[in-house]
Every structure is written in C-alpha cells, then in structure tokens.
C-alpha cells in the first residue's frame, strides 16, 4: 500500500510526495522541506506528517496561519490523525492524502477550475474565495461518498444525493433524481425537491433535456435559454415554454448501464450554473452509480 500526499489546489497543483511508514516528513515554504510549497501564506516550516500503522498523523509546527483539517485548526505541536480524502488547508493551498485524492478528487479539481464569481481585480480575494469553495466541495464529495456507500438500496442513495445537492447548490430552484429500470430503460422512480410549491409534479423537470442525456449517456448544460448556443434548439425551446432560465442534466451511468439522471434548474436566473457545477454533478453521478452497482451486487 502506497501512502501519498498530493497538492490539490494552489501553486504546484498535482505535485505529490511518497511517504514511507515511520519516517517524519516536513512541509513548508522553505526549500529544505521534504515538500516545498510556493505560497506566501505558508510558514517556512508549516507542518510535519508521519505514517504510523497505515494511518496519517499531522503536527502543526507553530505555523503563522495555522493548519486546518476540515473546519478544525490543529493545535501546534500535537499530532492529529487525518483520514484519507479529508482536505488539509494551509495558507492558500489545499492538500490531500491517499489514493482517493488521486483517483477521485483531483480529476474534479482539475476540471472545475476557479469557483469564484468575483472579478479578477483582487487576486488574493479570488484565491481565498476559491480555496474556501473548493474545500467545501471536497468535504461534500468526501462525506457524500461514504454516505452513499452505506446505503441499503437505490432509493436511499437517490434521496441522500438529492438532499446533498439541494443543500449545497443554493442557486437551484428544483433538483430531481430520475431512476430508470435496469432492463427496459423506462423511468420508474422520480424524487424531487423544490424551493417553491409545485402545482404539477409531472412538470417538475424538463423531459426533453433528461431524455437527451439518457439516450446519449451524455451530460448537457443550458446556461441561458434566451440564446441557442448551448445545444439542441428543441431542448432550449422546450425549456423556454416551461419558463426555465437555465438547467443541467447528467446521466447516472455505472458498470451495468445507465441507472438514471440528475436534473437541476433555475427558473429565473440566466447563467445560473457554471462549468464547476456541471463537473461536480458528473463526479457525483459516478459515485452514485458505483454505490448503486454495489447495492445490486449485494442482492445476488
């Protein structure tokens, strides 16, 4: 089993350090550290890390700006155990431990880019905003992954996914999870949440958009239904008729085929969603499909 440390966000993104059990490694801004981080908000000697009995332990070395595990700031000089996948924040840099970061978290970060809606007039504010939002997404993905894998059936997986997405993406007006029959492909289960009362539950999502993603096993985001540059004109017109300003649909596809789709929309906000939202949903769909595949295997 390899023990790895990865820089997920910040200068040096993608760099890694292999950790040998029993040996203590130092991380900081100074070039003499085992891993040097080019971040002015990181101390010269920021923290140390050691692997003991296949567990990671981090000790803050009395750093100026602190070492954060999730929302908790570590007490200097006291070793704290850190699980794989939990984001470690030092200055403007986010670090991850273990293969889960390489195989699951980093692809999401690499394609999501900057999460900020702010202008680029103040680079420091943008970077801080980016780190905070990235950490929040990382924590959400990590917690959701474990929650989904503990589910007993596909309906429970869908409900957990629905609630998580709805609470995370505040720009959503409606979030819908559509599950299909494994053999026929027909829609057999729909759950949704809406910020406003729904008069007709059958119209809680745009069928043309969802059918597009299910038939092609391909995600589609329509940022602004007032223009026709985001794909199929029929879908855009259909969204306009339903008075939907922006929407995303992503297929839930696993090893055993397409299991359904995630659909979100914003009724009034044009450009209500960004590329990072699409990437986040794609990441979650992969995890949901794996959890559903796992449930199916346990039923045999």
C-alpha atoms as a PDB file:
ATOM      1  CA  UNK A   1       0.000   0.000   0.000  1.00  0.00           C
ATOM      2  CA  UNK A   2       1.438   3.360  -1.057  1.00  0.00           C
ATOM      3  CA  UNK A   3       0.990   6.405   1.150  1.00  0.00           C
ATOM      4  CA  UNK A   4       0.861   9.640  -0.833  1.00  0.00           C
ATOM      5  CA  UNK A   5       0.453  13.352  -0.250  1.00  0.00           C
ATOM      6  CA  UNK A   6      -0.926  15.489  -3.116  1.00  0.00           C
ATOM      7  CA  UNK A   7      -1.219  19.234  -3.710  1.00  0.00           C
ATOM      8  CA  UNK A   8      -4.803  19.581  -4.909  1.00  0.00           C
ATOM      9  CA  UNK A   9      -5.163  23.363  -5.159  1.00  0.00           C
ATOM     10  CA  UNK A  10      -2.520  26.088  -5.302  1.00  0.00           C
ATOM     11  CA  UNK A  11       0.907  26.542  -6.845  1.00  0.00           C
ATOM     12  CA  UNK A  12       2.386  23.161  -7.549  1.00  0.00           C
ATOM     13  CA  UNK A  13      -1.051  21.603  -8.060  1.00  0.00           C
ATOM     14  CA  UNK A  14      -0.566  17.970  -8.985  1.00  0.00           C
ATOM     15  CA  UNK A  15       2.765  17.556  -7.190  1.00  0.00           C
ATOM     16  CA  UNK A  16       3.000  14.579  -4.852  1.00  0.00           C
ATOM     17  CA  UNK A  17       5.198  13.154  -2.112  1.00  0.00           C
ATOM     18  CA  UNK A  18       5.555   9.453  -1.334  1.00  0.00           C
ATOM     19  CA  UNK A  19       5.518   8.809   2.395  1.00  0.00           C
ATOM     20  CA  UNK A  20       7.442   5.905   3.901  1.00  0.00           C
ATOM     21  CA  UNK A  21       5.955   4.495   7.128  1.00  0.00           C
ATOM     22  CA  UNK A  22       7.814   5.505  10.272  1.00  0.00           C
ATOM     23  CA  UNK A  23       9.658   8.438   8.747  1.00  0.00           C
ATOM     24  CA  UNK A  24       8.695  12.031   9.576  1.00  0.00           C
ATOM     25  CA  UNK A  25       8.372  14.487   6.658  1.00  0.00           C
ATOM     26  CA  UNK A  26       8.149  18.275   6.782  1.00  0.00           C
ATOM     27  CA  UNK A  27       6.082  20.556   4.572  1.00  0.00           C
ATOM     28  CA  UNK A  28       6.512  24.323   4.258  1.00  0.00           C
ATOM     29  CA  UNK A  29       7.703  27.249   2.196  1.00  0.00           C
ATOM     30  CA  UNK A  30      11.432  26.670   2.788  1.00  0.00           C
ATOM     31  CA  UNK A  31      13.238  24.732   0.059  1.00  0.00           C
ATOM     32  CA  UNK A  32      14.816  22.381   2.609  1.00  0.00           C
ATOM     33  CA  UNK A  33      11.449  20.798   3.460  1.00  0.00           C
ATOM     34  CA  UNK A  34      10.584  17.400   2.035  1.00  0.00           C
ATOM     35  CA  UNK A  35       7.771  19.170   0.181  1.00  0.00           C
ATOM     36  CA  UNK A  36       8.249  22.859  -0.564  1.00  0.00           C
ATOM     37  CA  UNK A  37       5.097  24.935  -1.215  1.00  0.00           C
ATOM     38  CA  UNK A  38       5.353  28.284  -3.020  1.00  0.00           C
ATOM     39  CA  UNK A  39       2.687  30.045  -1.005  1.00  0.00           C
ATOM     40  CA  UNK A  40       3.445  33.254   0.927  1.00  0.00           C
ATOM     41  CA  UNK A  41       0.729  32.335   3.429  1.00  0.00           C
ATOM     42  CA  UNK A  42       2.505  29.080   4.292  1.00  0.00           C
ATOM     43  CA  UNK A  43       5.194  29.208   7.002  1.00  0.00           C
ATOM     44  CA  UNK A  44       8.804  28.263   6.292  1.00  0.00           C
ATOM     45  CA  UNK A  45       8.255  25.060   8.273  1.00  0.00           C
ATOM     46  CA  UNK A  46       4.491  24.631   8.382  1.00  0.00           C
ATOM     47  CA  UNK A  47       3.660  21.073   9.430  1.00  0.00           C
ATOM     48  CA  UNK A  48       5.112  17.581   9.670  1.00  0.00           C
ATOM     49  CA  UNK A  49       3.497  14.332   8.593  1.00  0.00           C
ATOM     50  CA  UNK A  50       4.149  10.729   9.520  1.00  0.00           C
ATOM     51  CA  UNK A  51       2.566   7.374   8.633  1.00  0.00           C
ATOM     52  CA  UNK A  52       2.130   5.010  11.587  1.00  0.00           C
ATOM     53  CA  UNK A  53       0.323   1.657  11.199  1.00  0.00           C
ATOM     54  CA  UNK A  54      -1.094   2.827   7.835  1.00  0.00           C
ATOM     55  CA  UNK A  55      -2.593   5.940   9.446  1.00  0.00           C
ATOM     56  CA  UNK A  56      -1.605   9.550   8.703  1.00  0.00           C
ATOM     57  CA  UNK A  57      -0.633  11.876  11.550  1.00  0.00           C
ATOM     58  CA  UNK A  58      -0.035  15.621  11.069  1.00  0.00           C
ATOM     59  CA  UNK A  59       1.589  18.036  13.502  1.00  0.00           C
ATOM     60  CA  UNK A  60       1.391  21.795  13.053  1.00  0.00           C
ATOM     61  CA  UNK A  61       4.846  23.319  13.586  1.00  0.00           C
ATOM     62  CA  UNK A  62       3.568  26.530  15.210  1.00  0.00           C
ATOM     63  CA  UNK A  63       2.726  27.956  11.784  1.00  0.00           C
ATOM     64  CA  UNK A  64       1.668  31.586  11.443  1.00  0.00           C
ATOM     65  CA  UNK A  65      -1.665  30.970   9.689  1.00  0.00           C
ATOM     66  CA  UNK A  66      -2.408  27.511  11.041  1.00  0.00           C
ATOM     67  CA  UNK A  67      -3.127  24.073   9.615  1.00  0.00           C
ATOM     68  CA  UNK A  68      -6.803  23.245   9.087  1.00  0.00           C
ATOM     69  CA  UNK A  69      -8.359  19.785   8.855  1.00  0.00           C
ATOM     70  CA  UNK A  70     -11.892  20.372   7.668  1.00  0.00           C
ATOM     71  CA  UNK A  71     -13.076  23.281   9.822  1.00  0.00           C
ATOM     72  CA  UNK A  72     -10.754  22.463  12.725  1.00  0.00           C
ATOM     73  CA  UNK A  73      -7.477  24.278  13.306  1.00  0.00           C
ATOM     74  CA  UNK A  74      -4.796  21.973  14.684  1.00  0.00           C
ATOM     75  CA  UNK A  75      -3.145  22.791  17.993  1.00  0.00           C
ATOM     76  CA  UNK A  76       0.603  23.393  17.428  1.00  0.00           C
ATOM     77  CA  UNK A  77       2.886  20.574  18.461  1.00  0.00           C
ATOM     78  CA  UNK A  78       0.110  18.000  18.887  1.00  0.00           C
ATOM     79  CA  UNK A  79      -0.131  15.176  16.348  1.00  0.00           C
ATOM     80  CA  UNK A  80      -3.620  14.674  14.868  1.00  0.00           C
ATOM     81  CA  UNK A  81      -4.773  11.691  12.826  1.00  0.00           C
ATOM     82  CA  UNK A  82      -6.159  12.583   9.390  1.00  0.00           C
ATOM     83  CA  UNK A  83      -8.215  10.237   7.248  1.00  0.00           C
ATOM     84  CA  UNK A  84      -7.667   9.857   3.520  1.00  0.00           C
ATOM     85  CA  UNK A  85      -9.637  12.318   1.418  1.00  0.00           C
ATOM     86  CA  UNK A  86     -10.133  14.953   4.123  1.00  0.00           C
ATOM     87  CA  UNK A  87      -8.844  18.284   2.742  1.00  0.00           C
ATOM     88  CA  UNK A  88      -5.907  19.875   4.569  1.00  0.00           C
ATOM     89  CA  UNK A  89      -5.756  23.653   4.169  1.00  0.00           C
ATOM     90  CA  UNK A  90      -2.504  25.580   4.667  1.00  0.00           C
ATOM     91  CA  UNK A  91      -2.484  29.188   3.525  1.00  0.00           C
ATOM     92  CA  UNK A  92      -3.987  29.271   0.017  1.00  0.00           C
ATOM     93  CA  UNK A  93      -3.088  25.642  -0.646  1.00  0.00           C
ATOM     94  CA  UNK A  94      -5.217  22.513  -0.292  1.00  0.00           C
ATOM     95  CA  UNK A  95      -3.520  19.161   0.295  1.00  0.00           C
ATOM     96  CA  UNK A  96      -4.991  15.659   0.157  1.00  0.00           C
ATOM     97  CA  UNK A  97      -3.775  12.299   1.416  1.00  0.00           C
ATOM     98  CA  UNK A  98      -4.095   8.844  -0.091  1.00  0.00           C
ATOM     99  CA  UNK A  99      -5.078   7.337  -3.423  1.00  0.00           C
ATOM    100  CA  UNK A 100      -8.677   8.554  -3.013  1.00  0.00           C
ATOM    101  CA  UNK A 101      -7.359  12.055  -3.769  1.00  0.00           C
ATOM    102  CA  UNK A 102      -5.591  10.918  -6.903  1.00  0.00           C
ATOM    103  CA  UNK A 103      -8.374   8.764  -8.293  1.00  0.00           C
ATOM    104  CA  UNK A 104     -11.450  10.727  -7.246  1.00  0.00           C
ATOM    105  CA  UNK A 105     -10.809  14.248  -6.014  1.00  0.00           C
ATOM    106  CA  UNK A 106      -8.070  15.556  -8.266  1.00  0.00           C
ATOM    107  CA  UNK A 107      -9.939  14.945 -11.570  1.00  0.00           C
ATOM    108  CA  UNK A 108     -12.792  17.016 -10.168  1.00  0.00           C
ATOM    109  CA  UNK A 109     -10.463  19.809  -9.104  1.00  0.00           C
ATOM    110  CA  UNK A 110      -8.508  19.731 -12.347  1.00  0.00           C
ATOM    111  CA  UNK A 111     -11.565  20.261 -14.491  1.00  0.00           C
ATOM    112  CA  UNK A 112     -13.516  22.533 -12.192  1.00  0.00           C
ATOM    113  CA  UNK A 113     -11.087  25.453 -12.383  1.00  0.00           C
ATOM    114  CA  UNK A 114     -11.794  28.605 -10.374  1.00  0.00           C
ATOM    115  CA  UNK A 115     -15.064  28.508  -8.467  1.00  0.00           C
ATOM    116  CA  UNK A 116     -15.283  32.250  -7.919  1.00  0.00           C
ATOM    117  CA  UNK A 117     -17.943  34.558  -9.300  1.00  0.00           C
ATOM    118  CA  UNK A 118     -15.859  37.581  -8.372  1.00  0.00           C
ATOM    119  CA  UNK A 119     -13.991  39.851 -10.755  1.00  0.00           C
ATOM    120  CA  UNK A 120     -10.247  39.482 -11.089  1.00  0.00           C
ATOM    121  CA  UNK A 121      -9.463  42.895  -9.642  1.00  0.00           C
ATOM    122  CA  UNK A 122      -8.312  41.449  -6.336  1.00  0.00           C
ATOM    123  CA  UNK A 123      -6.325  38.268  -6.928  1.00  0.00           C
ATOM    124  CA  UNK A 124      -5.876  37.491  -3.216  1.00  0.00           C
ATOM    125  CA  UNK A 125      -9.627  37.677  -2.567  1.00  0.00           C
ATOM    126  CA  UNK A 126     -10.314  35.455  -5.569  1.00  0.00           C
ATOM    127  CA  UNK A 127      -7.799  32.848  -4.436  1.00  0.00           C
ATOM    128  CA  UNK A 128      -9.179  32.837  -0.885  1.00  0.00           C
ATOM    129  CA  UNK A 129     -12.735  32.504  -2.236  1.00  0.00           C
ATOM    130  CA  UNK A 130     -11.562  29.667  -4.469  1.00  0.00           C
ATOM    131  CA  UNK A 131      -9.891  27.783  -1.623  1.00  0.00           C
ATOM    132  CA  UNK A 132     -12.923  28.088   0.642  1.00  0.00           C
ATOM    133  CA  UNK A 133     -15.341  26.909  -2.033  1.00  0.00           C
ATOM    134  CA  UNK A 134     -13.044  24.122  -3.176  1.00  0.00           C
ATOM    135  CA  UNK A 135     -12.663  22.896   0.411  1.00  0.00           C
ATOM    136  CA  UNK A 136     -16.430  22.950   0.843  1.00  0.00           C
ATOM    137  CA  UNK A 137     -16.897  20.896  -2.337  1.00  0.00           C
ATOM    138  CA  UNK A 138     -14.166  18.457  -1.315  1.00  0.00           C
ATOM    139  CA  UNK A 139     -15.753  17.913   2.085  1.00  0.00           C
ATOM    140  CA  UNK A 140     -19.152  17.473   0.458  1.00  0.00           C
ATOM    141  CA  UNK A 141     -17.818  14.897  -2.027  1.00  0.00           C
ATOM    142  CA  UNK A 142     -15.928  13.008   0.667  1.00  0.00           C
ATOM    143  CA  UNK A 143     -18.894  12.861   3.050  1.00  0.00           C
ATOM    144  CA  UNK A 144     -21.343  12.025   0.254  1.00  0.00           C
ATOM    145  CA  UNK A 145     -19.169   9.150  -0.995  1.00  0.00           C
ATOM    146  CA  UNK A 146     -19.199   7.398   2.367  1.00  0.00           C
ATOM    147  CA  UNK A 147     -22.880   8.132   2.904  1.00  0.00           C
ATOM    148  CA  UNK A 148     -23.834   6.652  -0.479  1.00  0.00           C
ATOM    149  CA  UNK A 149     -21.754   3.509   0.023  1.00  0.00           C
ATOM    150  CA  UNK A 150     -23.550   2.871   3.331  1.00  0.00           C
ATOM    151  CA  UNK A 151     -26.995   2.990   1.661  1.00  0.00           C
ATOM    152  CA  UNK A 152     -29.085  -0.181   1.504  1.00  0.00           C
ATOM    153  CA  UNK A 153     -30.957   0.423  -1.767  1.00  0.00           C
ATOM    154  CA  UNK A 154     -31.097   2.731  -4.789  1.00  0.00           C
ATOM    155  CA  UNK A 155     -33.937   4.817  -3.383  1.00  0.00           C
ATOM    156  CA  UNK A 156     -31.931   5.606  -0.275  1.00  0.00           C
ATOM    157  CA  UNK A 157     -28.955   6.537  -2.475  1.00  0.00           C
ATOM    158  CA  UNK A 158     -31.161   8.835  -4.556  1.00  0.00           C
ATOM    159  CA  UNK A 159     -32.630  10.585  -1.509  1.00  0.00           C
ATOM    160  CA  UNK A 160     -29.228  11.215   0.054  1.00  0.00           C
ATOM    161  CA  UNK A 161     -27.928  12.537  -3.257  1.00  0.00           C
ATOM    162  CA  UNK A 162     -30.942  14.789  -3.733  1.00  0.00           C
ATOM    163  CA  UNK A 163     -30.716  16.364  -0.285  1.00  0.00           C
ATOM    164  CA  UNK A 164     -26.969  16.867  -0.538  1.00  0.00           C
ATOM    165  CA  UNK A 165     -27.088  18.623  -3.913  1.00  0.00           C
ATOM    166  CA  UNK A 166     -30.087  20.753  -2.990  1.00  0.00           C
ATOM    167  CA  UNK A 167     -28.427  21.998   0.191  1.00  0.00           C
ATOM    168  CA  UNK A 168     -25.036  22.613  -1.446  1.00  0.00           C
ATOM    169  CA  UNK A 169     -26.031  24.486  -4.625  1.00  0.00           C
ATOM    170  CA  UNK A 170     -28.102  27.394  -3.390  1.00  0.00           C
ATOM    171  CA  UNK A 171     -28.865  28.612  -6.911  1.00  0.00           C
ATOM    172  CA  UNK A 172     -31.048  25.560  -7.558  1.00  0.00           C
ATOM    173  CA  UNK A 173     -34.810  26.072  -7.737  1.00  0.00           C
ATOM    174  CA  UNK A 174     -35.520  22.384  -8.333  1.00  0.00           C
ATOM    175  CA  UNK A 175     -33.435  19.237  -8.066  1.00  0.00           C
ATOM    176  CA  UNK A 176     -34.752  15.942  -9.431  1.00  0.00           C
ATOM    177  CA  UNK A 177     -33.334  12.413  -9.328  1.00  0.00           C
ATOM    178  CA  UNK A 178     -34.723  10.169 -12.063  1.00  0.00           C
ATOM    179  CA  UNK A 179     -34.135   6.405 -11.798  1.00  0.00           C
ATOM    180  CA  UNK A 180     -34.723   4.051 -14.717  1.00  0.00           C
ATOM    181  CA  UNK A 181     -35.465   0.338 -14.964  1.00  0.00           C
ATOM    182  CA  UNK A 182     -32.266  -1.661 -15.492  1.00  0.00           C
ATOM    183  CA  UNK A 183     -33.844  -3.842 -18.189  1.00  0.00           C
ATOM    184  CA  UNK A 184     -36.317  -1.623 -20.054  1.00  0.00           C
ATOM    185  CA  UNK A 185     -34.707   1.780 -19.502  1.00  0.00           C
ATOM    186  CA  UNK A 186     -38.105   3.265 -18.663  1.00  0.00           C
ATOM    187  CA  UNK A 187     -38.417   5.807 -15.869  1.00  0.00           C
ATOM    188  CA  UNK A 188     -39.660   4.050 -12.733  1.00  0.00           C
ATOM    189  CA  UNK A 189     -38.852   6.376  -9.852  1.00  0.00           C
ATOM    190  CA  UNK A 190     -38.714  10.176  -9.513  1.00  0.00           C
ATOM    191  CA  UNK A 191     -37.907  12.179  -6.392  1.00  0.00           C
ATOM    192  CA  UNK A 192     -37.504  15.936  -6.211  1.00  0.00           C
ATOM    193  CA  UNK A 193     -37.107  18.984  -4.032  1.00  0.00           C
ATOM    194  CA  UNK A 194     -38.298  22.464  -4.941  1.00  0.00           C
ATOM    195  CA  UNK A 195     -37.851  25.840  -3.275  1.00  0.00           C
ATOM    196  CA  UNK A 196     -41.378  26.777  -4.347  1.00  0.00           C
ATOM    197  CA  UNK A 197     -44.613  24.737  -4.234  1.00  0.00           C
ATOM    198  CA  UNK A 198     -45.075  22.523  -7.298  1.00  0.00           C
ATOM    199  CA  UNK A 199     -48.543  22.569  -8.858  1.00  0.00           C
ATOM    200  CA  UNK A 200     -47.972  19.596 -11.159  1.00  0.00           C
ATOM    201  CA  UNK A 201     -45.303  17.051 -10.069  1.00  0.00           C
ATOM    202  CA  UNK A 202     -45.191  15.666 -13.630  1.00  0.00           C
ATOM    203  CA  UNK A 203     -43.763  19.004 -14.788  1.00  0.00           C
ATOM    204  CA  UNK A 204     -41.058  19.282 -12.146  1.00  0.00           C
ATOM    205  CA  UNK A 205     -38.331  18.661 -14.741  1.00  0.00           C
ATOM    206  CA  UNK A 206     -37.823  19.124 -18.476  1.00  0.00           C
ATOM    207  CA  UNK A 207     -38.367  15.755 -20.167  1.00  0.00           C
ATOM    208  CA  UNK A 208     -36.606  16.698 -23.410  1.00  0.00           C
ATOM    209  CA  UNK A 209     -33.386  17.565 -21.584  1.00  0.00           C
ATOM    210  CA  UNK A 210     -33.446  14.418 -19.433  1.00  0.00           C
ATOM    211  CA  UNK A 211     -34.289  12.165 -22.386  1.00  0.00           C
ATOM    212  CA  UNK A 212     -31.354  13.659 -24.298  1.00  0.00           C
ATOM    213  CA  UNK A 213     -28.905  12.725 -21.550  1.00  0.00           C
ATOM    214  CA  UNK A 214     -30.403   9.256 -21.028  1.00  0.00           C
ATOM    215  CA  UNK A 215     -30.454   8.369 -24.721  1.00  0.00           C
ATOM    216  CA  UNK A 216     -26.919   9.610 -25.394  1.00  0.00           C
ATOM    217  CA  UNK A 217     -25.380   8.919 -21.976  1.00  0.00           C
ATOM    218  CA  UNK A 218     -24.104  12.476 -22.188  1.00  0.00           C
ATOM    219  CA  UNK A 219     -24.478  15.484 -19.844  1.00  0.00           C
ATOM    220  CA  UNK A 220     -25.928  18.741 -21.106  1.00  0.00           C
ATOM    221  CA  UNK A 221     -25.991  22.207 -19.550  1.00  0.00           C
ATOM    222  CA  UNK A 222     -28.122  25.036 -20.919  1.00  0.00           C
ATOM    223  CA  UNK A 223     -26.805  28.187 -19.286  1.00  0.00           C
ATOM    224  CA  UNK A 224     -29.291  30.621 -20.800  1.00  0.00           C
ATOM    225  CA  UNK A 225     -32.469  29.599 -22.574  1.00  0.00           C
ATOM    226  CA  UNK A 226     -32.708  33.066 -24.166  1.00  0.00           C
ATOM    227  CA  UNK A 227     -29.935  32.077 -26.585  1.00  0.00           C
ATOM    228  CA  UNK A 228     -29.440  28.991 -28.743  1.00  0.00           C
ATOM    229  CA  UNK A 229     -25.752  28.309 -28.357  1.00  0.00           C
ATOM    230  CA  UNK A 230     -25.887  25.646 -25.657  1.00  0.00           C
ATOM    231  CA  UNK A 231     -27.024  22.726 -27.796  1.00  0.00           C
ATOM    232  CA  UNK A 232     -30.263  21.378 -29.188  1.00  0.00           C
ATOM    233  CA  UNK A 233     -32.714  24.109 -30.246  1.00  0.00           C
ATOM    234  CA  UNK A 234     -35.669  21.840 -29.458  1.00  0.00           C
ATOM    235  CA  UNK A 235     -34.498  21.466 -25.867  1.00  0.00           C
ATOM    236  CA  UNK A 236     -33.921  25.206 -25.496  1.00  0.00           C
ATOM    237  CA  UNK A 237     -37.416  25.951 -26.815  1.00  0.00           C
ATOM    238  CA  UNK A 238     -38.874  23.329 -24.500  1.00  0.00           C
ATOM    239  CA  UNK A 239     -37.162  24.949 -21.525  1.00  0.00           C
ATOM    240  CA  UNK A 240     -38.464  28.352 -22.602  1.00  0.00           C
ATOM    241  CA  UNK A 241     -42.032  27.028 -22.712  1.00  0.00           C
ATOM    242  CA  UNK A 242     -41.634  25.805 -19.137  1.00  0.00           C
ATOM    243  CA  UNK A 243     -40.197  29.217 -18.158  1.00  0.00           C
ATOM    244  CA  UNK A 244     -36.885  27.711 -17.097  1.00  0.00           C
ATOM    245  CA  UNK A 245     -33.896  30.050 -17.433  1.00  0.00           C
ATOM    246  CA  UNK A 246     -31.056  27.535 -17.030  1.00  0.00           C
ATOM    247  CA  UNK A 247     -30.765  23.795 -16.431  1.00  0.00           C
ATOM    248  CA  UNK A 248     -28.393  20.822 -16.246  1.00  0.00           C
ATOM    249  CA  UNK A 249     -28.996  17.112 -16.729  1.00  0.00           C
ATOM    250  CA  UNK A 250     -26.333  14.455 -16.109  1.00  0.00           C
ATOM    251  CA  UNK A 251     -26.723  10.675 -16.591  1.00  0.00           C
ATOM    252  CA  UNK A 252     -26.064   8.285 -13.716  1.00  0.00           C
ATOM    253  CA  UNK A 253     -24.136   5.570 -15.551  1.00  0.00           C
ATOM    254  CA  UNK A 254     -22.303   2.656 -13.934  1.00  0.00           C
ATOM    255  CA  UNK A 255     -20.686  -0.589 -14.983  1.00  0.00           C
ATOM    256  CA  UNK A 256     -24.104  -2.128 -15.609  1.00  0.00           C
ATOM    257  CA  UNK A 257     -25.534   0.644 -17.753  1.00  0.00           C
ATOM    258  CA  UNK A 258     -27.486   3.857 -17.257  1.00  0.00           C
ATOM    259  CA  UNK A 259     -29.395   3.955 -13.998  1.00  0.00           C
ATOM    260  CA  UNK A 260     -30.955   7.389 -14.273  1.00  0.00           C
ATOM    261  CA  UNK A 261     -30.111  11.088 -14.238  1.00  0.00           C
ATOM    262  CA  UNK A 262     -29.674  14.125 -12.021  1.00  0.00           C
ATOM    263  CA  UNK A 263     -31.574  17.211 -13.147  1.00  0.00           C
ATOM    264  CA  UNK A 264     -31.321  20.723 -11.687  1.00  0.00           C
ATOM    265  CA  UNK A 265     -32.742  24.016 -12.899  1.00  0.00           C
ATOM    266  CA  UNK A 266     -33.088  27.694 -12.108  1.00  0.00           C
ATOM    267  CA  UNK A 267     -36.377  29.280 -13.065  1.00  0.00           C
ATOM    268  CA  UNK A 268     -35.338  32.935 -13.047  1.00  0.00           C
ATOM    269  CA  UNK A 269     -31.523  33.116 -13.140  1.00  0.00           C
ATOM    270  CA  UNK A 270     -29.946  33.056 -16.582  1.00  0.00           C
ATOM    271  CA  UNK A 271     -26.401  31.727 -16.409  1.00  0.00           C
ATOM    272  CA  UNK A 272     -27.497  30.308 -13.073  1.00  0.00           C
ATOM    273  CA  UNK A 273     -24.962  27.483 -13.297  1.00  0.00           C
ATOM    274  CA  UNK A 274     -21.275  27.296 -14.147  1.00  0.00           C
ATOM    275  CA  UNK A 275     -18.915  24.689 -15.531  1.00  0.00           C
ATOM    276  CA  UNK A 276     -17.861  23.779 -11.981  1.00  0.00           C
ATOM    277  CA  UNK A 277     -21.474  22.826 -11.172  1.00  0.00           C
ATOM    278  CA  UNK A 278     -21.576  20.501 -14.171  1.00  0.00           C
ATOM    279  CA  UNK A 279     -18.275  18.887 -13.170  1.00  0.00           C
ATOM    280  CA  UNK A 280     -19.496  18.455  -9.599  1.00  0.00           C
ATOM    281  CA  UNK A 281     -22.671  16.716 -10.790  1.00  0.00           C
ATOM    282  CA  UNK A 282     -20.695  14.457 -13.122  1.00  0.00           C
ATOM    283  CA  UNK A 283     -18.443  13.481 -10.229  1.00  0.00           C
ATOM    284  CA  UNK A 284     -21.438  12.747  -8.007  1.00  0.00           C
ATOM    285  CA  UNK A 285     -23.134  10.699 -10.733  1.00  0.00           C
ATOM    286  CA  UNK A 286     -20.079   8.435 -10.956  1.00  0.00           C
ATOM    287  CA  UNK A 287     -20.124   7.903  -7.197  1.00  0.00           C
ATOM    288  CA  UNK A 288     -23.888   7.312  -7.132  1.00  0.00           C
ATOM    289  CA  UNK A 289     -23.610   4.758  -9.946  1.00  0.00           C
ATOM    290  CA  UNK A 290     -20.844   2.910  -8.080  1.00  0.00           C
ATOM    291  CA  UNK A 291     -23.000   2.818  -4.949  1.00  0.00           C
ATOM    292  CA  UNK A 292     -25.964   1.503  -6.956  1.00  0.00           C
ATOM    293  CA  UNK A 293     -23.775  -1.141  -8.590  1.00  0.00           C
ATOM    294  CA  UNK A 294     -22.599  -2.154  -5.134  1.00  0.00           C
ATOM    295  CA  UNK A 295     -26.176  -2.488  -3.903  1.00  0.00           C
ATOM    296  CA  UNK A 296     -27.065  -4.627  -6.935  1.00  0.00           C
ATOM    297  CA  UNK A 297     -24.138  -6.980  -6.310  1.00  0.00           C
ATOM    298  CA  UNK A 298     -25.154  -7.436  -2.673  1.00  0.00           C
ATOM    299  CA  UNK A 299     -28.631  -8.562  -3.741  1.00  0.00           C
ATOM    300  CA  UNK A 300     -27.286 -11.654  -5.542  1.00  0.00           C
END
